[in-house]
Amino acid sequence: AVIFTALGPGVSNYGLMLAMVLVGAAIGTVVARRVEMTQMPQLVAAL
C-alpha cells in the first residue's frame, strides 16, 4: 500500500515524503521497543 501509493501517478515532493516517512518510522520503532505489553492498550488508543 505504501510503496504503490507513494510512487503512483500524480505524486510529487518525494524528498519531503521520504523525510516524513523516515521520521515517522524512527519514532514508531523507538515507541514500539519501549512500550511493554502491559501498555499496549494505551498505545492502541494513542494510535
ModelCIF file with pLDDT and N, C-alpha, C, O atoms, coordinates in Angstrom:
data_MODEL
#
_entry.id   MODEL 
#
_entity.id                         1 
_entity.type                       polymer 
_entity.pdbx_number_of_molecules   1 
#
_entity_poly.entity_id                      1 
_entity_poly.type                           'polypeptide(L)' 
_entity_poly.nstd_linkage                   no 
_entity_poly.nstd_monomer                   no 
_entity_poly.pdbx_seq_one_letter_code       AVIFTALGPGVSNYGLMLAMVLVGAAIGTVVARRVEMTQMPQLVAAL 
_entity_poly.pdbx_seq_one_letter_code_can   AVIFTALGPGVSNYGLMLAMVLVGAAIGTVVARRVEMTQMPQLVAAL 
_entity_poly.pdbx_strand_id                 A 
#
loop_
_entity_poly_seq.entity_id 
_entity_poly_seq.num 
_entity_poly_seq.mon_id 
_entity_poly_seq.hetero 
1 1  ALA n 
1 2  VAL n 
1 3  ILE n 
1 4  PHE n 
1 5  THR n 
1 6  ALA n 
1 7  LEU n 
1 8  GLY n 
1 9  PRO n 
1 10 GLY n 
1 11 VAL n 
1 12 SER n 
1 13 ASN n 
1 14 TYR n 
1 15 GLY n 
1 16 LEU n 
1 17 MET n 
1 18 LEU n 
1 19 ALA n 
1 20 MET n 
1 21 VAL n 
1 22 LEU n 
1 23 VAL n 
1 24 GLY n 
1 25 ALA n 
1 26 ALA n 
1 27 ILE n 
1 28 GLY n 
1 29 THR n 
1 30 VAL n 
1 31 VAL n 
1 32 ALA n 
1 33 ARG n 
1 34 ARG n 
1 35 VAL n 
1 36 GLU n 
1 37 MET n 
1 38 THR n 
1 39 GLN n 
1 40 MET n 
1 41 PRO n 
1 42 GLN n 
1 43 LEU n 
1 44 VAL n 
1 45 ALA n 
1 46 ALA n 
1 47 LEU n 
#
_struct_asym.id          A 
_struct_asym.entity_id   1 
#
loop_
_ma_qa_metric.id 
_ma_qa_metric.mode 
_ma_qa_metric.name 
_ma_qa_metric.software_group_id 
_ma_qa_metric.type 
1 global pLDDT . pLDDT 
2 local  pLDDT . pLDDT 
#
_ma_qa_metric_global.metric_id      1 
_ma_qa_metric_global.metric_value   85.47 
_ma_qa_metric_global.model_id       1 
_ma_qa_metric_global.ordinal_id     1 
#
loop_
_ma_qa_metric_local.label_asym_id 
_ma_qa_metric_local.label_comp_id 
_ma_qa_metric_local.label_seq_id 
_ma_qa_metric_local.metric_id 
_ma_qa_metric_local.metric_value 
_ma_qa_metric_local.model_id 
_ma_qa_metric_local.ordinal_id 
A ALA 1  2 89.00 1 1  
A VAL 2  2 88.00 1 2  
A ILE 3  2 88.00 1 3  
A PHE 4  2 87.00 1 4  
A THR 5  2 84.00 1 5  
A ALA 6  2 85.00 1 6  
A LEU 7  2 85.00 1 7  
A GLY 8  2 80.00 1 8  
A PRO 9  2 79.00 1 9  
A GLY 10 2 74.00 1 10 
A VAL 11 2 79.00 1 11 
A SER 12 2 79.00 1 12 
A ASN 13 2 82.00 1 13 
A TYR 14 2 86.00 1 14 
A GLY 15 2 88.00 1 15 
A LEU 16 2 90.00 1 16 
A MET 17 2 88.00 1 17 
A LEU 18 2 90.00 1 18 
A ALA 19 2 93.00 1 19 
A MET 20 2 92.00 1 20 
A VAL 21 2 89.00 1 21 
A LEU 22 2 93.00 1 22 
A VAL 23 2 94.00 1 23 
A GLY 24 2 91.00 1 24 
A ALA 25 2 91.00 1 25 
A ALA 26 2 94.00 1 26 
A ILE 27 2 92.00 1 27 
A GLY 28 2 89.00 1 28 
A THR 29 2 90.00 1 29 
A VAL 30 2 91.00 1 30 
A VAL 31 2 87.00 1 31 
A ALA 32 2 84.00 1 32 
A ARG 33 2 87.00 1 33 
A ARG 34 2 86.00 1 34 
A VAL 35 2 83.00 1 35 
A GLU 36 2 78.00 1 36 
A MET 37 2 72.00 1 37 
A THR 38 2 72.00 1 38 
A GLN 39 2 78.00 1 39 
A MET 40 2 78.00 1 40 
A PRO 41 2 79.00 1 41 
A GLN 42 2 82.00 1 42 
A LEU 43 2 86.00 1 43 
A VAL 44 2 85.00 1 44 
A ALA 45 2 85.00 1 45 
A ALA 46 2 87.00 1 46 
A LEU 47 2 88.00 1 47 
#
loop_
_atom_site.group_PDB 
_atom_site.id 
_atom_site.type_symbol 
_atom_site.label_atom_id 
_atom_site.label_alt_id 
_atom_site.label_comp_id 
_atom_site.label_asym_id 
_atom_site.label_entity_id 
_atom_site.label_seq_id 
_atom_site.pdbx_PDB_ins_code 
_atom_site.Cartn_x 
_atom_site.Cartn_y 
_atom_site.Cartn_z 
_atom_site.occupancy 
_atom_site.B_iso_or_equiv 
_atom_site.pdbx_formal_charge 
_atom_site.auth_seq_id 
_atom_site.auth_comp_id 
_atom_site.auth_asym_id 
_atom_site.auth_atom_id 
_atom_site.pdbx_PDB_model_num 
ATOM 1   N N  . ALA A 1 1  ? 0.822  -1.208 0.000   1.00 89.00 ? 1  ALA A N  1 
ATOM 2   C CA . ALA A 1 1  ? 0.000  0.000  0.000   1.00 89.00 ? 1  ALA A CA 1 
ATOM 3   C C  . ALA A 1 1  ? 0.859  1.262  0.000   1.00 89.00 ? 1  ALA A C  1 
ATOM 4   O O  . ALA A 1 1  ? 0.616  2.185  -0.777  1.00 89.00 ? 1  ALA A O  1 
ATOM 5   N N  . VAL A 1 2  ? 1.853  1.298  0.865   1.00 88.00 ? 2  VAL A N  1 
ATOM 6   C CA . VAL A 1 2  ? 2.700  2.491  0.988   1.00 88.00 ? 2  VAL A CA 1 
ATOM 7   C C  . VAL A 1 2  ? 3.522  2.715  -0.280  1.00 88.00 ? 2  VAL A C  1 
ATOM 8   O O  . VAL A 1 2  ? 3.575  3.831  -0.799  1.00 88.00 ? 2  VAL A O  1 
ATOM 9   N N  . ILE A 1 3  ? 4.167  1.650  -0.781  1.00 88.00 ? 3  ILE A N  1 
ATOM 10  C CA . ILE A 1 3  ? 5.061  1.793  -1.941  1.00 88.00 ? 3  ILE A CA 1 
ATOM 11  C C  . ILE A 1 3  ? 4.292  2.225  -3.181  1.00 88.00 ? 3  ILE A C  1 
ATOM 12  O O  . ILE A 1 3  ? 4.685  3.173  -3.861  1.00 88.00 ? 3  ILE A O  1 
ATOM 13  N N  . PHE A 1 4  ? 3.197  1.531  -3.476  1.00 87.00 ? 4  PHE A N  1 
ATOM 14  C CA . PHE A 1 4  ? 2.482  1.839  -4.720  1.00 87.00 ? 4  PHE A CA 1 
ATOM 15  C C  . PHE A 1 4  ? 1.685  3.134  -4.631  1.00 87.00 ? 4  PHE A C  1 
ATOM 16  O O  . PHE A 1 4  ? 1.419  3.764  -5.655  1.00 87.00 ? 4  PHE A O  1 
ATOM 17  N N  . THR A 1 5  ? 1.296  3.546  -3.411  1.00 84.00 ? 5  THR A N  1 
ATOM 18  C CA . THR A 1 5  ? 0.638  4.852  -3.273  1.00 84.00 ? 5  THR A CA 1 
ATOM 19  C C  . THR A 1 5  ? 1.650  5.978  -3.433  1.00 84.00 ? 5  THR A C  1 
ATOM 20  O O  . THR A 1 5  ? 1.390  6.970  -4.115  1.00 84.00 ? 5  THR A O  1 
ATOM 21  N N  . ALA A 1 6  ? 2.809  5.812  -2.796  1.00 85.00 ? 6  ALA A N  1 
ATOM 22  C CA . ALA A 1 6  ? 3.845  6.855  -2.849  1.00 85.00 ? 6  ALA A CA 1 
ATOM 23  C C  . ALA A 1 6  ? 4.395  7.041  -4.258  1.00 85.00 ? 6  ALA A C  1 
ATOM 24  O O  . ALA A 1 6  ? 4.742  8.155  -4.650  1.00 85.00 ? 6  ALA A O  1 
ATOM 25  N N  . LEU A 1 7  ? 4.475  5.951  -5.018  1.00 85.00 ? 7  LEU A N  1 
ATOM 26  C CA . LEU A 1 7  ? 5.050  6.021  -6.362  1.00 85.00 ? 7  LEU A CA 1 
ATOM 27  C C  . LEU A 1 7  ? 3.983  5.988  -7.450  1.00 85.00 ? 7  LEU A C  1 
ATOM 28  O O  . LEU A 1 7  ? 4.279  5.713  -8.613  1.00 85.00 ? 7  LEU A O  1 
ATOM 29  N N  . GLY A 1 8  ? 2.734  6.273  -7.062  1.00 80.00 ? 8  GLY A N  1 
ATOM 30  C CA . GLY A 1 8  ? 1.640  6.286  -8.022  1.00 80.00 ? 8  GLY A CA 1 
ATOM 31  C C  . GLY A 1 8  ? 1.584  7.578  -8.808  1.00 80.00 ? 8  GLY A C  1 
ATOM 32  O O  . GLY A 1 8  ? 2.373  8.490  -8.559  1.00 80.00 ? 8  GLY A O  1 
ATOM 33  N N  . PRO A 1 9  ? 0.666  7.671  -9.751  1.00 79.00 ? 9  PRO A N  1 
ATOM 34  C CA . PRO A 1 9  ? 0.552  8.881  -10.591 1.00 79.00 ? 9  PRO A CA 1 
ATOM 35  C C  . PRO A 1 9  ? 0.092  10.093 -9.785  1.00 79.00 ? 9  PRO A C  1 
ATOM 36  O O  . PRO A 1 9  ? -0.689 9.967  -8.842  1.00 79.00 ? 9  PRO A O  1 
ATOM 37  N N  . GLY A 1 10 ? 0.582  11.254 -10.166 1.00 74.00 ? 10 GLY A N  1 
ATOM 38  C CA . GLY A 1 10 ? 0.157  12.498 -9.539  1.00 74.00 ? 10 GLY A CA 1 
ATOM 39  C C  . GLY A 1 10 ? 0.820  12.806 -8.212  1.00 74.00 ? 10 GLY A C  1 
ATOM 40  O O  . GLY A 1 10 ? 0.423  13.753 -7.533  1.00 74.00 ? 10 GLY A O  1 
ATOM 41  N N  . VAL A 1 11 ? 1.829  12.022 -7.822  1.00 79.00 ? 11 VAL A N  1 
ATOM 42  C CA . VAL A 1 11 ? 2.503  12.243 -6.543  1.00 79.00 ? 11 VAL A CA 1 
ATOM 43  C C  . VAL A 1 11 ? 3.854  12.913 -6.797  1.00 79.00 ? 11 VAL A C  1 
ATOM 44  O O  . VAL A 1 11 ? 4.585  12.522 -7.707  1.00 79.00 ? 11 VAL A O  1 
ATOM 45  N N  . SER A 1 12 ? 4.176  13.906 -6.001  1.00 79.00 ? 12 SER A N  1 
ATOM 46  C CA . SER A 1 12 ? 5.463  14.604 -6.134  1.00 79.00 ? 12 SER A CA 1 
ATOM 47  C C  . SER A 1 12 ? 6.033  14.859 -4.739  1.00 79.00 ? 12 SER A C  1 
ATOM 48  O O  . SER A 1 12 ? 5.575  14.265 -3.763  1.00 79.00 ? 12 SER A O  1 
ATOM 49  N N  . ASN A 1 13 ? 7.017  15.728 -4.645  1.00 82.00 ? 13 ASN A N  1 
ATOM 50  C CA . ASN A 1 13 ? 7.651  16.062 -3.359  1.00 82.00 ? 13 ASN A CA 1 
ATOM 51  C C  . ASN A 1 13 ? 8.197  14.822 -2.662  1.00 82.00 ? 13 ASN A C  1 
ATOM 52  O O  . ASN A 1 13 ? 7.974  14.622 -1.468  1.00 82.00 ? 13 ASN A O  1 
ATOM 53  N N  . TYR A 1 14 ? 8.918  13.987 -3.418  1.00 86.00 ? 14 TYR A N  1 
ATOM 54  C CA . TYR A 1 14 ? 9.424  12.732 -2.859  1.00 86.00 ? 14 TYR A CA 1 
ATOM 55  C C  . TYR A 1 14 ? 10.401 12.960 -1.714  1.00 86.00 ? 14 TYR A C  1 
ATOM 56  O O  . TYR A 1 14 ? 10.437 12.182 -0.760  1.00 86.00 ? 14 TYR A O  1 
ATOM 57  N N  . GLY A 1 15 ? 11.197 14.028 -1.806  1.00 88.00 ? 15 GLY A N  1 
ATOM 58  C CA . GLY A 1 15 ? 12.166 14.307 -0.744  1.00 88.00 ? 15 GLY A CA 1 
ATOM 59  C C  . GLY A 1 15 ? 11.483 14.564 0.593   1.00 88.00 ? 15 GLY A C  1 
ATOM 60  O O  . GLY A 1 15 ? 11.876 14.012 1.620   1.00 88.00 ? 15 GLY A O  1 
ATOM 61  N N  . LEU A 1 16 ? 10.444 15.419 0.565   1.00 90.00 ? 16 LEU A N  1 
ATOM 62  C CA . LEU A 1 16 ? 9.699  15.726 1.785   1.00 90.00 ? 16 LEU A CA 1 
ATOM 63  C C  . LEU A 1 16 ? 8.983  14.479 2.305   1.00 90.00 ? 16 LEU A C  1 
ATOM 64  O O  . LEU A 1 16 ? 8.966  14.217 3.508   1.00 90.00 ? 16 LEU A O  1 
ATOM 65  N N  . MET A 1 17 ? 8.386  13.705 1.372   1.00 88.00 ? 17 MET A N  1 
ATOM 66  C CA . MET A 1 17 ? 7.668  12.497 1.769   1.00 88.00 ? 17 MET A CA 1 
ATOM 67  C C  . MET A 1 17 ? 8.615  11.490 2.429   1.00 88.00 ? 17 MET A C  1 
ATOM 68  O O  . MET A 1 17 ? 8.295  10.911 3.467   1.00 88.00 ? 17 MET A O  1 
ATOM 69  N N  . LEU A 1 18 ? 9.791  11.289 1.809   1.00 90.00 ? 18 LEU A N  1 
ATOM 70  C CA . LEU A 1 18 ? 10.757 10.341 2.361   1.00 90.00 ? 18 LEU A CA 1 
ATOM 71  C C  . LEU A 1 18 ? 11.213 10.771 3.746   1.00 90.00 ? 18 LEU A C  1 
ATOM 72  O O  . LEU A 1 18 ? 11.356 9.943  4.645   1.00 90.00 ? 18 LEU A O  1 
ATOM 73  N N  . ALA A 1 19 ? 11.443 12.082 3.918   1.00 93.00 ? 19 ALA A N  1 
ATOM 74  C CA . ALA A 1 19 ? 11.861 12.584 5.228   1.00 93.00 ? 19 ALA A CA 1 
ATOM 75  C C  . ALA A 1 19 ? 10.794 12.307 6.287   1.00 93.00 ? 19 ALA A C  1 
ATOM 76  O O  . ALA A 1 19 ? 11.107 11.892 7.403   1.00 93.00 ? 19 ALA A O  1 
ATOM 77  N N  . MET A 1 20 ? 9.524  12.544 5.921   1.00 92.00 ? 20 MET A N  1 
ATOM 78  C CA . MET A 1 20 ? 8.420  12.291 6.856   1.00 92.00 ? 20 MET A CA 1 
ATOM 79  C C  . MET A 1 20 ? 8.323  10.808 7.210   1.00 92.00 ? 20 MET A C  1 
ATOM 80  O O  . MET A 1 20 ? 8.118  10.447 8.369   1.00 92.00 ? 20 MET A O  1 
ATOM 81  N N  . VAL A 1 21 ? 8.475  9.945  6.186   1.00 89.00 ? 21 VAL A N  1 
ATOM 82  C CA . VAL A 1 21 ? 8.384  8.501  6.419   1.00 89.00 ? 21 VAL A CA 1 
ATOM 83  C C  . VAL A 1 21 ? 9.504  8.047  7.353   1.00 89.00 ? 21 VAL A C  1 
ATOM 84  O O  . VAL A 1 21 ? 9.271  7.252  8.264   1.00 89.00 ? 21 VAL A O  1 
ATOM 85  N N  . LEU A 1 22 ? 10.717 8.549  7.129   1.00 93.00 ? 22 LEU A N  1 
ATOM 86  C CA . LEU A 1 22 ? 11.856 8.147  7.965   1.00 93.00 ? 22 LEU A CA 1 
ATOM 87  C C  . LEU A 1 22 ? 11.675 8.623  9.413   1.00 93.00 ? 22 LEU A C  1 
ATOM 88  O O  . LEU A 1 22 ? 11.966 7.890  10.358  1.00 93.00 ? 22 LEU A O  1 
ATOM 89  N N  . VAL A 1 23 ? 11.190 9.861  9.571   1.00 94.00 ? 23 VAL A N  1 
ATOM 90  C CA . VAL A 1 23 ? 10.961 10.381 10.922  1.00 94.00 ? 23 VAL A CA 1 
ATOM 91  C C  . VAL A 1 23 ? 9.880  9.564  11.621  1.00 94.00 ? 23 VAL A C  1 
ATOM 92  O O  . VAL A 1 23 ? 10.036 9.175  12.778  1.00 94.00 ? 23 VAL A O  1 
ATOM 93  N N  . GLY A 1 24 ? 8.777  9.307  10.907  1.00 91.00 ? 24 GLY A N  1 
ATOM 94  C CA . GLY A 1 24 ? 7.703  8.516  11.495  1.00 91.00 ? 24 GLY A CA 1 
ATOM 95  C C  . GLY A 1 24 ? 8.148  7.106  11.846  1.00 91.00 ? 24 GLY A C  1 
ATOM 96  O O  . GLY A 1 24 ? 7.799  6.583  12.904  1.00 91.00 ? 24 GLY A O  1 
ATOM 97  N N  . ALA A 1 25 ? 8.929  6.484  10.945  1.00 91.00 ? 25 ALA A N  1 
ATOM 98  C CA . ALA A 1 25 ? 9.422  5.127  11.196  1.00 91.00 ? 25 ALA A CA 1 
ATOM 99  C C  . ALA A 1 25 ? 10.353 5.096  12.409  1.00 91.00 ? 25 ALA A C  1 
ATOM 100 O O  . ALA A 1 25 ? 10.312 4.161  13.208  1.00 91.00 ? 25 ALA A O  1 
ATOM 101 N N  . ALA A 1 26 ? 11.182 6.113  12.536  1.00 94.00 ? 26 ALA A N  1 
ATOM 102 C CA . ALA A 1 26 ? 12.105 6.175  13.673  1.00 94.00 ? 26 ALA A CA 1 
ATOM 103 C C  . ALA A 1 26 ? 11.337 6.314  14.981  1.00 94.00 ? 26 ALA A C  1 
ATOM 104 O O  . ALA A 1 26 ? 11.637 5.628  15.958  1.00 94.00 ? 26 ALA A O  1 
ATOM 105 N N  . ILE A 1 27 ? 10.348 7.198  14.998  1.00 92.00 ? 27 ILE A N  1 
ATOM 106 C CA . ILE A 1 27 ? 9.537  7.378  16.209  1.00 92.00 ? 27 ILE A CA 1 
ATOM 107 C C  . ILE A 1 27 ? 8.789  6.088  16.540  1.00 92.00 ? 27 ILE A C  1 
ATOM 108 O O  . ILE A 1 27 ? 8.754  5.664  17.695  1.00 92.00 ? 27 ILE A O  1 
ATOM 109 N N  . GLY A 1 28 ? 8.192  5.467  15.521  1.00 89.00 ? 28 GLY A N  1 
ATOM 110 C CA . GLY A 1 28 ? 7.456  4.232  15.741  1.00 89.00 ? 28 GLY A CA 1 
ATOM 111 C C  . GLY A 1 28 ? 8.339  3.122  16.287  1.00 89.00 ? 28 GLY A C  1 
ATOM 112 O O  . GLY A 1 28 ? 7.925  2.371  17.170  1.00 89.00 ? 28 GLY A O  1 
ATOM 113 N N  . THR A 1 29 ? 9.552  3.016  15.765  1.00 90.00 ? 29 THR A N  1 
ATOM 114 C CA . THR A 1 29 ? 10.481 1.977  16.234  1.00 90.00 ? 29 THR A CA 1 
ATOM 115 C C  . THR A 1 29 ? 10.850 2.186  17.697  1.00 90.00 ? 29 THR A C  1 
ATOM 116 O O  . THR A 1 29 ? 10.856 1.243  18.487  1.00 90.00 ? 29 THR A O  1 
ATOM 117 N N  . VAL A 1 30 ? 11.156 3.434  18.049  1.00 91.00 ? 30 VAL A N  1 
ATOM 118 C CA . VAL A 1 30 ? 11.525 3.741  19.436  1.00 91.00 ? 30 VAL A CA 1 
ATOM 119 C C  . VAL A 1 30 ? 10.365 3.447  20.378  1.00 91.00 ? 30 VAL A C  1 
ATOM 120 O O  . VAL A 1 30 ? 10.549 2.830  21.427  1.00 91.00 ? 30 VAL A O  1 
ATOM 121 N N  . VAL A 1 31 ? 9.165  3.892  19.997  1.00 87.00 ? 31 VAL A N  1 
ATOM 122 C CA . VAL A 1 31 ? 7.986  3.674  20.842  1.00 87.00 ? 31 VAL A CA 1 
ATOM 123 C C  . VAL A 1 31 ? 7.709  2.187  21.006  1.00 87.00 ? 31 VAL A C  1 
ATOM 124 O O  . VAL A 1 31 ? 7.446  1.720  22.114  1.00 87.00 ? 31 VAL A O  1 
ATOM 125 N N  . ALA A 1 32 ? 7.768  1.437  19.897  1.00 84.00 ? 32 ALA A N  1 
ATOM 126 C CA . ALA A 1 32 ? 7.468  0.000  19.949  1.00 84.00 ? 32 ALA A CA 1 
ATOM 127 C C  . ALA A 1 32 ? 8.450  -0.752 20.844  1.00 84.00 ? 32 ALA A C  1 
ATOM 128 O O  . ALA A 1 32 ? 8.068  -1.703 21.526  1.00 84.00 ? 32 ALA A O  1 
ATOM 129 N N  . ARG A 1 33 ? 9.709  -0.329 20.842  1.00 87.00 ? 33 ARG A N  1 
ATOM 130 C CA . ARG A 1 33 ? 10.714 -1.000 21.671  1.00 87.00 ? 33 ARG A CA 1 
ATOM 131 C C  . ARG A 1 33 ? 10.556 -0.650 23.145  1.00 87.00 ? 33 ARG A C  1 
ATOM 132 O O  . ARG A 1 33 ? 10.884 -1.455 24.016  1.00 87.00 ? 33 ARG A O  1 
ATOM 133 N N  . ARG A 1 34 ? 10.063 0.529  23.421  1.00 86.00 ? 34 ARG A N  1 
ATOM 134 C CA . ARG A 1 34 ? 9.945  0.974  24.813  1.00 86.00 ? 34 ARG A CA 1 
ATOM 135 C C  . ARG A 1 34 ? 8.663  0.513  25.486  1.00 86.00 ? 34 ARG A C  1 
ATOM 136 O O  . ARG A 1 34 ? 8.636  0.299  26.698  1.00 86.00 ? 34 ARG A O  1 
ATOM 137 N N  . VAL A 1 35 ? 7.604  0.360  24.708  1.00 83.00 ? 35 VAL A N  1 
ATOM 138 C CA . VAL A 1 35 ? 6.296  0.047  25.281  1.00 83.00 ? 35 VAL A CA 1 
ATOM 139 C C  . VAL A 1 35 ? 6.245  -1.423 25.682  1.00 83.00 ? 35 VAL A C  1 
ATOM 140 O O  . VAL A 1 35 ? 6.530  -2.309 24.876  1.00 83.00 ? 35 VAL A O  1 
ATOM 141 N N  . GLU A 1 36 ? 5.877  -1.670 26.941  1.00 78.00 ? 36 GLU A N  1 
ATOM 142 C CA . GLU A 1 36 ? 5.703  -3.042 27.414  1.00 78.00 ? 36 GLU A CA 1 
ATOM 143 C C  . GLU A 1 36 ? 4.349  -3.576 26.932  1.00 78.00 ? 36 GLU A C  1 
ATOM 144 O O  . GLU A 1 36 ? 3.460  -2.811 26.560  1.00 78.00 ? 36 GLU A O  1 
ATOM 145 N N  . MET A 1 37 ? 4.217  -4.902 26.949  1.00 72.00 ? 37 MET A N  1 
ATOM 146 C CA . MET A 1 37 ? 2.943  -5.498 26.551  1.00 72.00 ? 37 MET A CA 1 
ATOM 147 C C  . MET A 1 37 ? 1.804  -5.024 27.444  1.00 72.00 ? 37 MET A C  1 
ATOM 148 O O  . MET A 1 37 ? 0.656  -4.946 27.006  1.00 72.00 ? 37 MET A O  1 
ATOM 149 N N  . THR A 1 38 ? 2.124  -4.707 28.699  1.00 72.00 ? 38 THR A N  1 
ATOM 150 C CA . THR A 1 38 ? 1.084  -4.222 29.615  1.00 72.00 ? 38 THR A CA 1 
ATOM 151 C C  . THR A 1 38 ? 0.566  -2.847 29.205  1.00 72.00 ? 38 THR A C  1 
ATOM 152 O O  . THR A 1 38 ? -0.532 -2.452 29.597  1.00 72.00 ? 38 THR A O  1 
ATOM 153 N N  . GLN A 1 39 ? 1.362  -2.112 28.409  1.00 78.00 ? 39 GLN A N  1 
ATOM 154 C CA . GLN A 1 39 ? 0.974  -0.767 27.986  1.00 78.00 ? 39 GLN A CA 1 
ATOM 155 C C  . GLN A 1 39 ? 0.362  -0.755 26.589  1.00 78.00 ? 39 GLN A C  1 
ATOM 156 O O  . GLN A 1 39 ? 0.077  0.311  26.042  1.00 78.00 ? 39 GLN A O  1 
ATOM 157 N N  . MET A 1 40 ? 0.163  -1.925 26.020  1.00 78.00 ? 40 MET A N  1 
ATOM 158 C CA . MET A 1 40 ? -0.351 -1.999 24.652  1.00 78.00 ? 40 MET A CA 1 
ATOM 159 C C  . MET A 1 40 ? -1.734 -1.365 24.485  1.00 78.00 ? 40 MET A C  1 
ATOM 160 O O  . MET A 1 40 ? -1.966 -0.717 23.465  1.00 78.00 ? 40 MET A O  1 
ATOM 161 N N  . PRO A 1 41 ? -2.662 -1.516 25.434  1.00 79.00 ? 41 PRO A N  1 
ATOM 162 C CA . PRO A 1 41 ? -3.979 -0.882 25.247  1.00 79.00 ? 41 PRO A CA 1 
ATOM 163 C C  . PRO A 1 41 ? -3.897 0.626  25.070  1.00 79.00 ? 41 PRO A C  1 
ATOM 164 O O  . PRO A 1 41 ? -4.548 1.183  24.186  1.00 79.00 ? 41 PRO A O  1 
ATOM 165 N N  . GLN A 1 42 ? -3.091 1.304  25.915  1.00 82.00 ? 42 GLN A N  1 
ATOM 166 C CA . GLN A 1 42 ? -2.994 2.755  25.763  1.00 82.00 ? 42 GLN A CA 1 
ATOM 167 C C  . GLN A 1 42 ? -2.260 3.145  24.477  1.00 82.00 ? 42 GLN A C  1 
ATOM 168 O O  . GLN A 1 42 ? -2.538 4.196  23.900  1.00 82.00 ? 42 GLN A O  1 
ATOM 169 N N  . LEU A 1 43 ? -1.322 2.302  24.025  1.00 86.00 ? 43 LEU A N  1 
ATOM 170 C CA . LEU A 1 43 ? -0.654 2.583  22.752  1.00 86.00 ? 43 LEU A CA 1 
ATOM 171 C C  . LEU A 1 43 ? -1.646 2.494  21.603  1.00 86.00 ? 43 LEU A C  1 
ATOM 172 O O  . LEU A 1 43 ? -1.626 3.331  20.701  1.00 86.00 ? 43 LEU A O  1 
ATOM 173 N N  . VAL A 1 44 ? -2.515 1.485  21.626  1.00 85.00 ? 44 VAL A N  1 
ATOM 174 C CA . VAL A 1 44 ? -3.530 1.337  20.585  1.00 85.00 ? 44 VAL A CA 1 
ATOM 175 C C  . VAL A 1 44 ? -4.451 2.560  20.576  1.00 85.00 ? 44 VAL A C  1 
ATOM 176 O O  . VAL A 1 44 ? -4.788 3.085  19.515  1.00 85.00 ? 44 VAL A O  1 
ATOM 177 N N  . ALA A 1 45 ? -4.848 3.002  21.762  1.00 85.00 ? 45 ALA A N  1 
ATOM 178 C CA . ALA A 1 45 ? -5.704 4.198  21.848  1.00 85.00 ? 45 ALA A CA 1 
ATOM 179 C C  . ALA A 1 45 ? -5.000 5.423  21.275  1.00 85.00 ? 45 ALA A C  1 
ATOM 180 O O  . ALA A 1 45 ? -5.615 6.229  20.577  1.00 85.00 ? 45 ALA A O  1 
ATOM 181 N N  . ALA A 1 46 ? -3.703 5.562  21.574  1.00 87.00 ? 46 ALA A N  1 
ATOM 182 C CA . ALA A 1 46 ? -2.944 6.707  21.063  1.00 87.00 ? 46 ALA A CA 1 
ATOM 183 C C  . ALA A 1 46 ? -2.849 6.667  19.538  1.00 87.00 ? 46 ALA A C  1 
ATOM 184 O O  . ALA A 1 46 ? -2.969 7.700  18.880  1.00 87.00 ? 46 ALA A O  1 
ATOM 185 N N  . LEU A 1 47 ? -2.635 5.476  18.977  1.00 88.00 ? 47 LEU A N  1 
ATOM 186 C CA . LEU A 1 47 ? -2.526 5.354  17.524  1.00 88.00 ? 47 LEU A CA 1 
ATOM 187 C C  . LEU A 1 47 ? -3.846 5.670  16.834  1.00 88.00 ? 47 LEU A C  1 
ATOM 188 O O  . LEU A 1 47 ? -3.930 5.615  15.607  1.00 88.00 ? 47 LEU A O  1 
#
